[in-house]
Amino acid sequence: MIKLSICYPNEDDKSFDMHCYSTRHVPMAQTLFGENLVAMSIDKGLTRSNAELPTIYTTIGCFYFKNIPTIQNAM
């Protein structure tokens, strides 16, 4: 299985609309990838080993495919 991760950095002057991402963008990706997509997940609010430091990424979207050719077919 191949995992394709899309990382969204945590930036002080930016905000991330999780509702829009999970209800609009992810379903759109599901439709585009179709049967090539095996599974997907959204990781939110990833903390660092030192909890006092800001998170590096606000969100990571993960898309799972059977193999590289299925990713290429999906693109």
PDB file of N, CA and C in Angstrom:
ATOM      1  N   MET A   1       0.854  -1.176   0.000  1.00  0.00           N
ATOM      2  CA  MET A   1       0.000   0.000   0.000  1.00  0.00           C
ATOM      3  C   MET A   1       0.896   1.233   0.000  1.00  0.00           C
ATOM      4  N   ILE A   2       0.472   2.256  -0.719  1.00  0.00           N
ATOM      5  CA  ILE A   2       1.185   3.522  -0.825  1.00  0.00           C
ATOM      6  C   ILE A   2       0.350   4.612  -0.157  1.00  0.00           C
ATOM      7  N   LYS A   3       1.016   5.416   0.656  1.00  0.00           N
ATOM      8  CA  LYS A   3       0.340   6.513   1.356  1.00  0.00           C
ATOM      9  C   LYS A   3       0.818   7.843   0.773  1.00  0.00           C
ATOM     10  N   LEU A   4      -0.119   8.641   0.333  1.00  0.00           N
ATOM     11  CA  LEU A   4       0.159   9.983  -0.171  1.00  0.00           C
ATOM     12  C   LEU A   4      -0.312  10.969   0.896  1.00  0.00           C
ATOM     13  N   SER A   5       0.615  11.762   1.433  1.00  0.00           N
ATOM     14  CA  SER A   5       0.277  12.710   2.501  1.00  0.00           C
ATOM     15  C   SER A   5       0.362  14.136   1.988  1.00  0.00           C
ATOM     16  N   ILE A   6      -0.631  14.927   2.357  1.00  0.00           N
ATOM     17  CA  ILE A   6      -0.643  16.347   2.032  1.00  0.00           C
ATOM     18  C   ILE A   6      -0.616  17.100   3.354  1.00  0.00           C
ATOM     19  N   CYS A   7       0.472  17.845   3.576  1.00  0.00           N
ATOM     20  CA  CYS A   7       0.694  18.513   4.858  1.00  0.00           C
ATOM     21  C   CYS A   7       0.385  20.002   4.754  1.00  0.00           C
ATOM     22  N   TYR A   8      -0.394  20.485   5.693  1.00  0.00           N
ATOM     23  CA  TYR A   8      -0.769  21.897   5.746  1.00  0.00           C
ATOM     24  C   TYR A   8      -0.053  22.533   6.939  1.00  0.00           C
ATOM     25  N   PRO A   9       0.909  23.437   6.673  1.00  0.00           N
ATOM     26  CA  PRO A   9       1.705  24.006   7.766  1.00  0.00           C
ATOM     27  C   PRO A   9       0.881  24.907   8.687  1.00  0.00           C
ATOM     28  N   ASN A  10       1.302  24.924   9.934  1.00  0.00           N
ATOM     29  CA  ASN A  10       0.699  25.804  10.929  1.00  0.00           C
ATOM     30  C   ASN A  10       1.430  27.135  10.863  1.00  0.00           C
ATOM     31  N   GLU A  11       0.738  28.172  10.435  1.00  0.00           N
ATOM     32  CA  GLU A  11       1.339  29.489  10.300  1.00  0.00           C
ATOM     33  C   GLU A  11       0.583  30.482  11.166  1.00  0.00           C
ATOM     34  N   ASP A  12       1.328  31.347  11.841  1.00  0.00           N
ATOM     35  CA  ASP A  12       0.725  32.290  12.788  1.00  0.00           C
ATOM     36  C   ASP A  12      -0.355  33.166  12.173  1.00  0.00           C
ATOM     37  N   ASP A  13      -0.145  33.618  10.956  1.00  0.00           N
ATOM     38  CA  ASP A  13      -1.079  34.560  10.343  1.00  0.00           C
ATOM     39  C   ASP A  13      -2.137  33.890   9.468  1.00  0.00           C
ATOM     40  N   LYS A  14      -2.249  32.571   9.551  1.00  0.00           N
ATOM     41  CA  LYS A  14      -3.203  31.822   8.718  1.00  0.00           C
ATOM     42  C   LYS A  14      -4.148  31.001   9.600  1.00  0.00           C
ATOM     43  N   SER A  15      -5.289  30.684   9.043  1.00  0.00           N
ATOM     44  CA  SER A  15      -6.214  29.772   9.723  1.00  0.00           C
ATOM     45  C   SER A  15      -6.560  28.651   8.749  1.00  0.00           C
ATOM     46  N   PHE A  16      -6.976  27.534   9.285  1.00  0.00           N
ATOM     47  CA  PHE A  16      -7.323  26.387   8.467  1.00  0.00           C
ATOM     48  C   PHE A  16      -8.769  26.038   8.744  1.00  0.00           C
ATOM     49  N   ASP A  17      -9.575  25.981   7.703  1.00  0.00           N
ATOM     50  CA  ASP A  17     -11.002  25.683   7.851  1.00  0.00           C
ATOM     51  C   ASP A  17     -11.215  24.174   7.733  1.00  0.00           C
ATOM     52  N   MET A  18     -11.184  23.502   8.874  1.00  0.00           N
ATOM     53  CA  MET A  18     -11.318  22.041   8.894  1.00  0.00           C
ATOM     54  C   MET A  18     -12.685  21.606   8.364  1.00  0.00           C
ATOM     55  N   HIS A  19     -13.711  22.353   8.666  1.00  0.00           N
ATOM     56  CA  HIS A  19     -15.044  21.988   8.186  1.00  0.00           C
ATOM     57  C   HIS A  19     -15.073  21.997   6.648  1.00  0.00           C
ATOM     58  N   CYS A  20     -14.561  23.037   6.047  1.00  0.00           N
ATOM     59  CA  CYS A  20     -14.527  23.131   4.581  1.00  0.00           C
ATOM     60  C   CYS A  20     -13.669  22.004   4.000  1.00  0.00           C
ATOM     61  N   TYR A  21     -12.528  21.748   4.616  1.00  0.00           N
ATOM     62  CA  TYR A  21     -11.635  20.700   4.125  1.00  0.00           C
ATOM     63  C   TYR A  21     -12.310  19.325   4.179  1.00  0.00           C
ATOM     64  N   SER A  22     -12.937  19.030   5.320  1.00  0.00           N
ATOM     65  CA  SER A  22     -13.521  17.698   5.497  1.00  0.00           C
ATOM     66  C   SER A  22     -14.849  17.506   4.765  1.00  0.00           C
ATOM     67  N   THR A  23     -15.596  18.582   4.530  1.00  0.00           N
ATOM     68  CA  THR A  23     -16.902  18.425   3.880  1.00  0.00           C
ATOM     69  C   THR A  23     -16.903  18.758   2.396  1.00  0.00           C
ATOM     70  N   ARG A  24     -15.871  19.486   1.918  1.00  0.00           N
ATOM     71  CA  ARG A  24     -15.830  19.844   0.500  1.00  0.00           C
ATOM     72  C   ARG A  24     -14.619  19.271  -0.232  1.00  0.00           C
ATOM     73  N   HIS A  25     -13.434  19.512   0.312  1.00  0.00           N
ATOM     74  CA  HIS A  25     -12.218  19.111  -0.394  1.00  0.00           C
ATOM     75  C   HIS A  25     -11.992  17.598  -0.378  1.00  0.00           C
ATOM     76  N   VAL A  26     -12.172  16.986   0.779  1.00  0.00           N
ATOM     77  CA  VAL A  26     -11.954  15.538   0.872  1.00  0.00           C
ATOM     78  C   VAL A  26     -12.962  14.766   0.024  1.00  0.00           C
ATOM     79  N   PRO A  27     -14.255  15.066   0.078  1.00  0.00           N
ATOM     80  CA  PRO A  27     -15.186  14.371  -0.816  1.00  0.00           C
ATOM     81  C   PRO A  27     -14.864  14.587  -2.300  1.00  0.00           C
ATOM     82  N   MET A  28     -14.381  15.788  -2.648  1.00  0.00           N
ATOM     83  CA  MET A  28     -13.993  16.046  -4.027  1.00  0.00           C
ATOM     84  C   MET A  28     -12.827  15.136  -4.416  1.00  0.00           C
ATOM     85  N   ALA A  29     -11.854  14.986  -3.524  1.00  0.00           N
ATOM     86  CA  ALA A  29     -10.723  14.094  -3.787  1.00  0.00           C
ATOM     87  C   ALA A  29     -11.198  12.645  -3.924  1.00  0.00           C
ATOM     88  N   GLN A  30     -12.130  12.234  -3.072  1.00  0.00           N
ATOM     89  CA  GLN A  30     -12.690  10.883  -3.170  1.00  0.00           C
ATOM     90  C   GLN A  30     -13.298  10.654  -4.552  1.00  0.00           C
ATOM     91  N   THR A  31     -14.035  11.608  -5.025  1.00  0.00           N
ATOM     92  CA  THR A  31     -14.658  11.500  -6.347  1.00  0.00           C
ATOM     93  C   THR A  31     -13.603  11.437  -7.444  1.00  0.00           C
ATOM     94  N   LEU A  32     -12.594  12.297  -7.353  1.00  0.00           N
ATOM     95  CA  LEU A  32     -11.548  12.322  -8.376  1.00  0.00           C
ATOM     96  C   LEU A  32     -10.718  11.040  -8.393  1.00  0.00           C
ATOM     97  N   PHE A  33     -10.373  10.531  -7.213  1.00  0.00           N
ATOM     98  CA  PHE A  33      -9.551   9.321  -7.130  1.00  0.00           C
ATOM     99  C   PHE A  33     -10.363   8.061  -7.421  1.00  0.00           C
ATOM    100  N   GLY A  34     -11.654   8.108  -7.140  1.00  0.00           N
ATOM    101  CA  GLY A  34     -12.546   6.989  -7.445  1.00  0.00           C
ATOM    102  C   GLY A  34     -12.109   5.684  -6.800  1.00  0.00           C
ATOM    103  N   GLU A  35     -12.251   4.601  -7.552  1.00  0.00           N
ATOM    104  CA  GLU A  35     -11.947   3.272  -7.017  1.00  0.00           C
ATOM    105  C   GLU A  35     -10.450   3.051  -6.804  1.00  0.00           C
ATOM    106  N   ASN A  36      -9.615   3.968  -7.292  1.00  0.00           N
ATOM    107  CA  ASN A  36      -8.173   3.870  -7.044  1.00  0.00           C
ATOM    108  C   ASN A  36      -7.827   4.134  -5.584  1.00  0.00           C
ATOM    109  N   LEU A  37      -8.696   4.854  -4.870  1.00  0.00           N
ATOM    110  CA  LEU A  37      -8.474   5.199  -3.472  1.00  0.00           C
ATOM    111  C   LEU A  37      -8.928   4.056  -2.575  1.00  0.00           C
ATOM    112  N   VAL A  38      -8.014   3.547  -1.750  1.00  0.00           N
ATOM    113  CA  VAL A  38      -8.332   2.433  -0.844  1.00  0.00           C
ATOM    114  C   VAL A  38      -8.891   2.957   0.471  1.00  0.00           C
ATOM    115  N   ALA A  39      -8.261   4.004   1.013  1.00  0.00           N
ATOM    116  CA  ALA A  39      -8.682   4.577   2.298  1.00  0.00           C
ATOM    117  C   ALA A  39      -8.144   5.994   2.391  1.00  0.00           C
ATOM    118  N   MET A  40      -8.629   6.715   3.390  1.00  0.00           N
ATOM    119  CA  MET A  40      -8.135   8.062   3.627  1.00  0.00           C
ATOM    120  C   MET A  40      -8.334   8.427   5.084  1.00  0.00           C
ATOM    121  N   SER A  41      -7.551   9.410   5.540  1.00  0.00           N
ATOM    122  CA  SER A  41      -7.693   9.882   6.915  1.00  0.00           C
ATOM    123  C   SER A  41      -7.279  11.344   6.986  1.00  0.00           C
ATOM    124  N   ILE A  42      -7.733  12.010   8.047  1.00  0.00           N
ATOM    125  CA  ILE A  42      -7.357  13.393   8.304  1.00  0.00           C
ATOM    126  C   ILE A  42      -6.794  13.434   9.724  1.00  0.00           C
ATOM    127  N   ASP A  43      -5.564  13.907   9.862  1.00  0.00           N
ATOM    128  CA  ASP A  43      -4.949  14.100  11.173  1.00  0.00           C
ATOM    129  C   ASP A  43      -4.966  15.587  11.475  1.00  0.00           C
ATOM    130  N   LYS A  44      -5.520  15.941  12.631  1.00  0.00           N
ATOM    131  CA  LYS A  44      -5.667  17.352  12.999  1.00  0.00           C
ATOM    132  C   LYS A  44      -4.947  17.641  14.305  1.00  0.00           C
ATOM    133  N   GLY A  45      -4.322  18.811  14.377  1.00  0.00           N
ATOM    134  CA  GLY A  45      -3.723  19.256  15.626  1.00  0.00           C
ATOM    135  C   GLY A  45      -2.602  18.374  16.119  1.00  0.00           C
ATOM    136  N   LEU A  46      -1.684  18.044  15.250  1.00  0.00           N
ATOM    137  CA  LEU A  46      -0.584  17.171  15.617  1.00  0.00           C
ATOM    138  C   LEU A  46       0.361  17.906  16.560  1.00  0.00           C
ATOM    139  N   THR A  47       0.628  17.308  17.720  1.00  0.00           N
ATOM    140  CA  THR A  47       1.500  17.960  18.691  1.00  0.00           C
ATOM    141  C   THR A  47       2.933  17.489  18.543  1.00  0.00           C
ATOM    142  N   ARG A  48       3.827  18.282  19.050  1.00  0.00           N
ATOM    143  CA  ARG A  48       5.246  17.951  19.027  1.00  0.00           C
ATOM    144  C   ARG A  48       5.630  17.271  20.339  1.00  0.00           C
ATOM    145  N   SER A  49       6.852  16.774  20.406  1.00  0.00           N
ATOM    146  CA  SER A  49       7.298  16.118  21.633  1.00  0.00           C
ATOM    147  C   SER A  49       7.337  17.109  22.801  1.00  0.00           C
ATOM    148  N   ASN A  50       7.593  18.373  22.515  1.00  0.00           N
ATOM    149  CA  ASN A  50       7.512  19.421  23.522  1.00  0.00           C
ATOM    150  C   ASN A  50       6.195  20.163  23.287  1.00  0.00           C
ATOM    151  N   ALA A  51       5.222  19.903  24.127  1.00  0.00           N
ATOM    152  CA  ALA A  51       3.871  20.449  23.927  1.00  0.00           C
ATOM    153  C   ALA A  51       3.832  21.972  24.002  1.00  0.00           C
ATOM    154  N   GLU A  52       4.882  22.604  24.521  1.00  0.00           N
ATOM    155  CA  GLU A  52       4.898  24.064  24.595  1.00  0.00           C
ATOM    156  C   GLU A  52       5.235  24.707  23.250  1.00  0.00           C
ATOM    157  N   LEU A  53       5.804  23.941  22.347  1.00  0.00           N
ATOM    158  CA  LEU A  53       6.118  24.452  21.014  1.00  0.00           C
ATOM    159  C   LEU A  53       4.883  24.359  20.125  1.00  0.00           C
ATOM    160  N   PRO A  54       4.710  25.290  19.186  1.00  0.00           N
ATOM    161  CA  PRO A  54       3.555  25.203  18.276  1.00  0.00           C
ATOM    162  C   PRO A  54       3.674  23.988  17.356  1.00  0.00           C
ATOM    163  N   THR A  55       2.546  23.516  16.922  1.00  0.00           N
ATOM    164  CA  THR A  55       2.545  22.374  16.003  1.00  0.00           C
ATOM    165  C   THR A  55       3.170  22.787  14.670  1.00  0.00           C
ATOM    166  N   ILE A  56       3.791  21.839  14.008  1.00  0.00           N
ATOM    167  CA  ILE A  56       4.400  22.114  12.709  1.00  0.00           C
ATOM    168  C   ILE A  56       3.324  22.150  11.630  1.00  0.00           C
ATOM    169  N   TYR A  57       2.407  21.192  11.709  1.00  0.00           N
ATOM    170  CA  TYR A  57       1.313  21.107  10.735  1.00  0.00           C
ATOM    171  C   TYR A  57      -0.014  21.186  11.463  1.00  0.00           C
ATOM    172  N   THR A  58      -0.927  21.960  10.916  1.00  0.00           N
ATOM    173  CA  THR A  58      -2.259  22.029  11.505  1.00  0.00           C
ATOM    174  C   THR A  58      -3.086  20.812  11.118  1.00  0.00           C
ATOM    175  N   THR A  59      -2.839  20.296   9.898  1.00  0.00           N
ATOM    176  CA  THR A  59      -3.604  19.170   9.367  1.00  0.00           C
ATOM    177  C   THR A  59      -2.753  18.391   8.370  1.00  0.00           C
ATOM    178  N   ILE A  60      -2.951  17.075   8.354  1.00  0.00           N
ATOM    179  CA  ILE A  60      -2.332  16.230   7.331  1.00  0.00           C
ATOM    180  C   ILE A  60      -3.426  15.335   6.761  1.00  0.00           C
ATOM    181  N   GLY A  61      -3.627  15.442   5.460  1.00  0.00           N
ATOM    182  CA  GLY A  61      -4.576  14.569   4.767  1.00  0.00           C
ATOM    183  C   GLY A  61      -3.811  13.390   4.178  1.00  0.00           C
ATOM    184  N   CYS A  62      -4.262  12.179   4.458  1.00  0.00           N
ATOM    185  CA  CYS A  62      -3.579  10.972   3.975  1.00  0.00           C
ATOM    186  C   CYS A  62      -4.509  10.183   3.058  1.00  0.00           C
ATOM    187  N   PHE A  63      -3.977   9.833   1.898  1.00  0.00           N
ATOM    188  CA  PHE A  63      -4.717   9.073   0.904  1.00  0.00           C
ATOM    189  C   PHE A  63      -3.945   7.787   0.625  1.00  0.00           C
ATOM    190  N   TYR A  64      -4.621   6.663   0.675  1.00  0.00           N
ATOM    191  CA  TYR A  64      -3.982   5.354   0.537  1.00  0.00           C
ATOM    192  C   TYR A  64      -4.399   4.700  -0.783  1.00  0.00           C
ATOM    193  N   PHE A  65      -3.406   4.180  -1.482  1.00  0.00           N
ATOM    194  CA  PHE A  65      -3.610   3.524  -2.769  1.00  0.00           C
ATOM    195  C   PHE A  65      -2.934   2.153  -2.746  1.00  0.00           C
ATOM    196  N   LYS A  66      -3.375   1.245  -3.605  1.00  0.00           N
ATOM    197  CA  LYS A  66      -2.796  -0.098  -3.652  1.00  0.00           C
ATOM    198  C   LYS A  66      -1.318  -0.072  -4.027  1.00  0.00           C
ATOM    199  N   ASN A  67      -0.967   0.762  -5.009  1.00  0.00           N
ATOM    200  CA  ASN A  67       0.415   0.820  -5.489  1.00  0.00           C
ATOM    201  C   ASN A  67       0.609   2.114  -6.288  1.00  0.00           C
ATOM    202  N   ILE A  68       1.824   2.343  -6.745  1.00  0.00           N
ATOM    203  CA  ILE A  68       2.125   3.579  -7.478  1.00  0.00           C
ATOM    204  C   ILE A  68       1.322   3.704  -8.774  1.00  0.00           C
ATOM    205  N   PRO A  69       1.152   2.629  -9.553  1.00  0.00           N
ATOM    206  CA  PRO A  69       0.326   2.781 -10.759  1.00  0.00           C
ATOM    207  C   PRO A  69      -1.103   3.256 -10.479  1.00  0.00           C
ATOM    208  N   THR A  70      -1.680   2.867  -9.332  1.00  0.00           N
ATOM    209  CA  THR A  70      -3.039   3.331  -9.036  1.00  0.00           C
ATOM    210  C   THR A  70      -3.042   4.821  -8.727  1.00  0.00           C
ATOM    211  N   ILE A  71      -1.958   5.332  -8.125  1.00  0.00           N
ATOM    212  CA  ILE A  71      -1.854   6.788  -7.904  1.00  0.00           C
ATOM    213  C   ILE A  71      -1.740   7.487  -9.261  1.00  0.00           C
ATOM    214  N   GLN A  72      -0.910   6.948 -10.115  1.00  0.00           N
ATOM    215  CA  GLN A  72      -0.731   7.554 -11.442  1.00  0.00           C
ATOM    216  C   GLN A  72      -2.030   7.535 -12.226  1.00  0.00           C
ATOM    217  N   ASN A  73      -2.800   6.466 -12.120  1.00  0.00           N
ATOM    218  CA  ASN A  73      -4.092   6.391 -12.806  1.00  0.00           C
ATOM    219  C   ASN A  73      -5.081   7.397 -12.230  1.00  0.00           C
ATOM    220  N   ALA A  74      -4.954   7.672 -10.942  1.00  0.00           N
ATOM    221  CA  ALA A  74      -5.880   8.587 -10.283  1.00  0.00           C
ATOM    222  C   ALA A  74      -5.584  10.051 -10.588  1.00  0.00           C
ATOM    223  N   MET A  75      -4.348  10.336 -10.972  1.00  0.00           N
ATOM    224  CA  MET A  75      -3.955  11.731 -11.212  1.00  0.00           C
ATOM    225  C   MET A  75      -4.385  12.149 -12.568  1.00  0.00           C
TER     226      MET A  75
END
